[in-house]
C-alpha atoms as a PDB file:
ATOM      1  CA  UNK A   1      13.195   9.094  -0.241  1.00  0.00           C
ATOM      2  CA  UNK A   2      11.447  11.151   2.113  1.00  0.00           C
ATOM      3  CA  UNK A   3      10.843  14.849   1.258  1.00  0.00           C
ATOM      4  CA  UNK A   4      10.326  17.646   3.482  1.00  0.00           C
ATOM      5  CA  UNK A   5       8.282  20.777   2.648  1.00  0.00           C
ATOM      6  CA  UNK A   6       7.665  24.206   4.115  1.00  0.00           C
ATOM      7  CA  UNK A   7       4.141  24.841   5.827  1.00  0.00           C
ATOM      8  CA  UNK A   8       3.061  28.603   6.555  1.00  0.00           C
ATOM      9  CA  UNK A   9       0.441  28.961   9.096  1.00  0.00           C
ATOM     10  CA  UNK A  10      -0.805  32.430   9.814  1.00  0.00           C
ATOM     11  CA  UNK A  11       0.542  33.755  13.080  1.00  0.00           C
ATOM     12  CA  UNK A  12       3.099  31.137  13.383  1.00  0.00           C
ATOM     13  CA  UNK A  13       6.594  30.513  12.121  1.00  0.00           C
ATOM     14  CA  UNK A  14       7.398  28.647   9.092  1.00  0.00           C
ATOM     15  CA  UNK A  15       7.912  25.029   9.693  1.00  0.00           C
ATOM     16  CA  UNK A  16       9.355  21.922   7.790  1.00  0.00           C
ATOM     17  CA  UNK A  17       6.975  19.002   7.564  1.00  0.00           C
ATOM     18  CA  UNK A  18       7.208  15.602   6.006  1.00  0.00           C
ATOM     19  CA  UNK A  19       5.570  15.260   2.680  1.00  0.00           C
ATOM     20  CA  UNK A  20       3.446  12.348   3.375  1.00  0.00           C
ATOM     21  CA  UNK A  21       2.887  11.207  -0.509  1.00  0.00           C
ATOM     22  CA  UNK A  22       6.690  10.561  -0.610  1.00  0.00           C
ATOM     23  CA  UNK A  23       6.744   8.132   2.273  1.00  0.00           C
ATOM     24  CA  UNK A  24       6.671   4.330   0.815  1.00  0.00           C
ATOM     25  CA  UNK A  25       3.832   2.484   2.577  1.00  0.00           C
ATOM     26  CA  UNK A  26       3.709  -0.841   0.372  1.00  0.00           C
ATOM     27  CA  UNK A  27       1.392  -2.705   2.920  1.00  0.00           C
ATOM     28  CA  UNK A  28      -1.849  -0.513   2.755  1.00  0.00           C
ATOM     29  CA  UNK A  29      -1.492   2.187  -0.118  1.00  0.00           C
ATOM     30  CA  UNK A  30      -4.078   5.000  -0.241  1.00  0.00           C
ATOM     31  CA  UNK A  31      -4.888   4.887  -3.963  1.00  0.00           C
ATOM     32  CA  UNK A  32      -4.487   1.162  -4.342  1.00  0.00           C
ATOM     33  CA  UNK A  33      -7.007   0.924  -7.266  1.00  0.00           C
ATOM     34  CA  UNK A  34      -4.984   2.826  -9.822  1.00  0.00           C
ATOM     35  CA  UNK A  35      -1.720   4.026  -8.285  1.00  0.00           C
ATOM     36  CA  UNK A  36      -2.348   7.173 -10.442  1.00  0.00           C
ATOM     37  CA  UNK A  37      -1.063   9.535  -7.652  1.00  0.00           C
ATOM     38  CA  UNK A  38       1.651   7.248  -6.299  1.00  0.00           C
ATOM     39  CA  UNK A  39       5.104   8.972  -6.146  1.00  0.00           C
ATOM     40  CA  UNK A  40       8.388   7.605  -7.132  1.00  0.00           C
ATOM     41  CA  UNK A  41       7.093   4.668  -9.346  1.00  0.00           C
ATOM     42  CA  UNK A  42      10.032   2.883 -10.880  1.00  0.00           C
ATOM     43  CA  UNK A  43      10.267   2.660 -14.527  1.00  0.00           C
ATOM     44  CA  UNK A  44      10.542  -1.086 -14.556  1.00  0.00           C
ATOM     45  CA  UNK A  45       7.604  -3.340 -13.258  1.00  0.00           C
ATOM     46  CA  UNK A  46      10.207  -5.901 -11.831  1.00  0.00           C
ATOM     47  CA  UNK A  47      11.373  -3.608  -9.145  1.00  0.00           C
ATOM     48  CA  UNK A  48       8.197  -1.929  -8.137  1.00  0.00           C
ATOM     49  CA  UNK A  49       7.107  -2.488  -4.581  1.00  0.00           C
ATOM     50  CA  UNK A  50       3.566  -2.973  -5.905  1.00  0.00           C
ATOM     51  CA  UNK A  51       4.150  -6.040  -8.244  1.00  0.00           C
ATOM     52  CA  UNK A  52       2.437  -9.452  -7.860  1.00  0.00           C
ATOM     53  CA  UNK A  53       2.923 -11.314  -4.627  1.00  0.00           C
ATOM     54  CA  UNK A  54       4.504 -14.228  -6.482  1.00  0.00           C
ATOM     55  CA  UNK A  55       7.358 -11.898  -7.686  1.00  0.00           C
ATOM     56  CA  UNK A  56       7.871 -10.221  -4.151  1.00  0.00           C
ATOM     57  CA  UNK A  57       5.687  -7.261  -4.130  1.00  0.00           C
ATOM     58  CA  UNK A  58       2.313  -6.774  -2.339  1.00  0.00           C
ATOM     59  CA  UNK A  59       0.072  -7.387  -5.309  1.00  0.00           C
ATOM     60  CA  UNK A  60      -1.675  -4.225  -5.375  1.00  0.00           C
ATOM     61  CA  UNK A  61      -0.679  -3.093  -9.185  1.00  0.00           C
ATOM     62  CA  UNK A  62      -3.481  -4.038 -11.630  1.00  0.00           C
ATOM     63  CA  UNK A  63      -1.384  -3.370 -14.686  1.00  0.00           C
ATOM     64  CA  UNK A  64       1.794  -5.423 -13.689  1.00  0.00           C
ATOM     65  CA  UNK A  65       3.577  -7.242 -16.304  1.00  0.00           C
ATOM     66  CA  UNK A  66       6.651  -9.292 -15.749  1.00  0.00           C
ATOM     67  CA  UNK A  67       9.884  -7.852 -17.770  1.00  0.00           C
ATOM     68  CA  UNK A  68       8.046  -4.954 -18.938  1.00  0.00           C
ATOM     69  CA  UNK A  69       7.833  -1.122 -18.269  1.00  0.00           C
ATOM     70  CA  UNK A  70       5.314   0.741 -15.922  1.00  0.00           C
ATOM     71  CA  UNK A  71       2.538   1.977 -17.818  1.00  0.00           C
ATOM     72  CA  UNK A  72       1.211   3.872 -14.722  1.00  0.00           C
ATOM     73  CA  UNK A  73       3.645   6.527 -15.066  1.00  0.00           C
ATOM     74  CA  UNK A  74       2.554   8.915 -17.877  1.00  0.00           C
ATOM     75  CA  UNK A  75       5.850   9.397 -19.483  1.00  0.00           C
ATOM     76  CA  UNK A  76       6.422   5.920 -20.238  1.00  0.00           C
ATOM     77  CA  UNK A  77       2.712   5.327 -21.022  1.00  0.00           C
ATOM     78  CA  UNK A  78       3.205   8.063 -23.785  1.00  0.00           C
ATOM     79  CA  UNK A  79       6.000   5.823 -25.067  1.00  0.00           C
ATOM     80  CA  UNK A  80       4.158   2.555 -24.803  1.00  0.00           C
ATOM     81  CA  UNK A  81       1.372   4.195 -26.841  1.00  0.00           C
ATOM     82  CA  UNK A  82       3.591   5.605 -29.433  1.00  0.00           C
ATOM     83  CA  UNK A  83       5.751   2.527 -30.036  1.00  0.00           C
ATOM     84  CA  UNK A  84       3.042  -0.018 -29.506  1.00  0.00           C
ATOM     85  CA  UNK A  85       5.496  -2.204 -27.324  1.00  0.00           C
ATOM     86  CA  UNK A  86       5.944  -2.600 -23.614  1.00  0.00           C
ATOM     87  CA  UNK A  87       8.967  -4.534 -23.314  1.00  0.00           C
ATOM     88  CA  UNK A  88      12.119  -2.734 -21.981  1.00  0.00           C
ATOM     89  CA  UNK A  89      14.564  -3.632 -24.741  1.00  0.00           C
ATOM     90  CA  UNK A  90      12.521  -2.774 -27.720  1.00  0.00           C
ATOM     91  CA  UNK A  91      11.051   0.716 -26.346  1.00  0.00           C
ATOM     92  CA  UNK A  92      14.637   1.545 -25.005  1.00  0.00           C
ATOM     93  CA  UNK A  93      16.142   1.057 -28.602  1.00  0.00           C
ATOM     94  CA  UNK A  94      13.458   3.129 -30.060  1.00  0.00           C
ATOM     95  CA  UNK A  95      13.652   5.816 -27.587  1.00  0.00           C
ATOM     96  CA  UNK A  96      17.365   6.174 -28.063  1.00  0.00           C
ATOM     97  CA  UNK A  97      17.033   6.307 -31.870  1.00  0.00           C
ATOM     98  CA  UNK A  98      14.360   8.888 -31.531  1.00  0.00           C
ATOM     99  CA  UNK A  99      16.671  10.832 -29.050  1.00  0.00           C
ATOM    100  CA  UNK A 100      19.564  10.898 -31.457  1.00  0.00           C
ATOM    101  CA  UNK A 101      17.313  11.991 -34.202  1.00  0.00           C
ATOM    102  CA  UNK A 102      16.059  14.808 -32.365  1.00  0.00           C
ATOM    103  CA  UNK A 103      19.317  15.788 -31.205  1.00  0.00           C
ATOM    104  CA  UNK A 104      20.485  16.301 -34.514  1.00  0.00           C
ATOM    105  CA  UNK A 105      17.591  18.493 -35.368  1.00  0.00           C
ATOM    106  CA  UNK A 106      17.984  20.469 -32.266  1.00  0.00           C
ATOM    107  CA  UNK A 107      21.280  21.281 -33.055  1.00  0.00           C
ATOM    108  CA  UNK A 108      20.440  22.433 -36.545  1.00  0.00           C
ATOM    109  CA  UNK A 109      17.532  24.869 -35.166  1.00  0.00           C
ATOM    110  CA  UNK A 110      19.941  26.036 -32.688  1.00  0.00           C
ATOM    111  CA  UNK A 111      22.228  26.887 -35.441  1.00  0.00           C
ATOM    112  CA  UNK A 112      19.337  28.859 -37.260  1.00  0.00           C
ATOM    113  CA  UNK A 113      18.428  30.533 -33.962  1.00  0.00           C
ATOM    114  CA  UNK A 114      21.941  31.731 -33.417  1.00  0.00           C
ATOM    115  CA  UNK A 115      22.362  32.956 -36.861  1.00  0.00           C
ATOM    116  CA  UNK A 116      18.847  34.828 -36.593  1.00  0.00           C
ATOM    117  CA  UNK A 117      19.686  36.340 -33.097  1.00  0.00           C
ATOM    118  CA  UNK A 118      16.170  35.816 -31.824  1.00  0.00           C
ATOM    119  CA  UNK A 119      14.829  33.015 -29.374  1.00  0.00           C
ATOM    120  CA  UNK A 120      12.547  30.543 -31.127  1.00  0.00           C
ATOM    121  CA  UNK A 121       9.920  29.149 -28.596  1.00  0.00           C
ATOM    122  CA  UNK A 122       9.624  26.047 -30.803  1.00  0.00           C
ATOM    123  CA  UNK A 123      13.238  25.161 -30.030  1.00  0.00           C
ATOM    124  CA  UNK A 124      12.777  25.665 -26.341  1.00  0.00           C
ATOM    125  CA  UNK A 125       9.852  23.349 -26.377  1.00  0.00           C
ATOM    126  CA  UNK A 126      12.033  20.564 -28.339  1.00  0.00           C
ATOM    127  CA  UNK A 127      14.804  21.147 -25.804  1.00  0.00           C
ATOM    128  CA  UNK A 128      12.560  20.289 -22.892  1.00  0.00           C
ATOM    129  CA  UNK A 129      11.078  17.391 -24.798  1.00  0.00           C
ATOM    130  CA  UNK A 130      14.283  15.953 -25.360  1.00  0.00           C
ATOM    131  CA  UNK A 131      15.704  16.590 -21.945  1.00  0.00           C
ATOM    132  CA  UNK A 132      12.647  14.637 -20.670  1.00  0.00           C
ATOM    133  CA  UNK A 133      13.115  11.980 -23.085  1.00  0.00           C
ATOM    134  CA  UNK A 134      16.756  11.666 -21.829  1.00  0.00           C
ATOM    135  CA  UNK A 135      15.839  11.526 -18.272  1.00  0.00           C
ATOM    136  CA  UNK A 136      13.343   8.438 -19.114  1.00  0.00           C
ATOM    137  CA  UNK A 137      15.910   6.778 -21.030  1.00  0.00           C
ATOM    138  CA  UNK A 138      18.548   7.226 -18.095  1.00  0.00           C
ATOM    139  CA  UNK A 139      16.068   5.857 -15.691  1.00  0.00           C
ATOM    140  CA  UNK A 140      15.340   2.718 -17.854  1.00  0.00           C
ATOM    141  CA  UNK A 141      18.874   2.031 -18.404  1.00  0.00           C
ATOM    142  CA  UNK A 142      20.012   2.464 -14.573  1.00  0.00           C
ATOM    143  CA  UNK A 143      19.606  -0.683 -12.619  1.00  0.00           C
ATOM    144  CA  UNK A 144      18.740  -0.492  -9.065  1.00  0.00           C
ATOM    145  CA  UNK A 145      18.823  -3.221  -6.456  1.00  0.00           C
ATOM    146  CA  UNK A 146      17.337  -3.290  -3.081  1.00  0.00           C
ATOM    147  CA  UNK A 147      17.683  -5.713  -0.135  1.00  0.00           C
ATOM    148  CA  UNK A 148      15.041  -6.058   2.598  1.00  0.00           C
ATOM    149  CA  UNK A 149      15.734  -7.689   5.840  1.00  0.00           C
ATOM    150  CA  UNK A 150      13.049  -8.721   8.432  1.00  0.00           C
ATOM    151  CA  UNK A 151      14.286  -9.591  12.063  1.00  0.00           C
ATOM    152  CA  UNK A 152      11.775 -11.382  14.073  1.00  0.00           C
ATOM    153  CA  UNK A 153      12.757 -11.658  17.970  1.00  0.00           C
ATOM    154  CA  UNK A 154      11.007 -13.525  20.830  1.00  0.00           C
ATOM    155  CA  UNK A 155      10.823 -11.625  24.175  1.00  0.00           C
ATOM    156  CA  UNK A 156       8.882 -12.305  27.392  1.00  0.00           C
ATOM    157  CA  UNK A 157       6.699 -14.977  25.650  1.00  0.00           C
ATOM    158  CA  UNK A 158       5.452 -12.815  23.009  1.00  0.00           C
ATOM    159  CA  UNK A 159       6.705 -13.026  19.622  1.00  0.00           C
ATOM    160  CA  UNK A 160       7.255  -9.495  18.306  1.00  0.00           C
ATOM    161  CA  UNK A 161       8.048  -8.817  14.846  1.00  0.00           C
ATOM    162  CA  UNK A 162      10.421  -5.790  14.612  1.00  0.00           C
ATOM    163  CA  UNK A 163      10.412  -4.880  10.978  1.00  0.00           C
ATOM    164  CA  UNK A 164      13.753  -3.528  10.316  1.00  0.00           C
ATOM    165  CA  UNK A 165      14.338  -2.431   6.988  1.00  0.00           C
ATOM    166  CA  UNK A 166      17.878  -2.068   5.652  1.00  0.00           C
ATOM    167  CA  UNK A 167      17.796  -0.783   2.061  1.00  0.00           C
ATOM    168  CA  UNK A 168      21.008  -1.006   0.027  1.00  0.00           C
ATOM    169  CA  UNK A 169      20.951   0.734  -3.213  1.00  0.00           C
ATOM    170  CA  UNK A 170      23.164  -0.097  -5.901  1.00  0.00           C
ATOM    171  CA  UNK A 171      22.873   1.686  -9.066  1.00  0.00           C
ATOM    172  CA  UNK A 172      24.906   0.715 -12.234  1.00  0.00           C
ATOM    173  CA  UNK A 173      24.491   1.913 -15.858  1.00  0.00           C
ATOM    174  CA  UNK A 174      25.147  -0.002 -18.885  1.00  0.00           C
ATOM    175  CA  UNK A 175      26.793   3.131 -20.702  1.00  0.00           C
ATOM    176  CA  UNK A 176      29.237   2.315 -23.493  1.00  0.00           C
END
């Protein structure tokens, strides 16, 4: 998804400009060595545009592994380091159990905070952590499918490749 940002220049009115970091360019990536600054990397390696060529990507990612989670993303890399596992099913189960445990602790601390009448910064910090953990779990559980269509046409003796990209997104969740 392309993001617009506001740009202010002295003496000129404010204008909207495309944030070029959000444009997906899978052919020639700017930071192809580490992908450290790449935007919108998916949680799963199997749907990443930078996966190996045999699996339908462009072969840029040095850390690609089939049926695993992306360790280039900092949030998932922390979970992989913590649990020592990279496969999706095992990490998801561990993250969900950690989420439920922390949720029970948060409820207890919120009750204490309410009884005391003061805001505790530790509770706020834990709330932010559990919210981020919930977002990662939700992203891992959500399945996304995309379809790319290339159309080649011949005109006036020249072969013109018109790359027409039709992306059909389908998101589904395995909620119980």
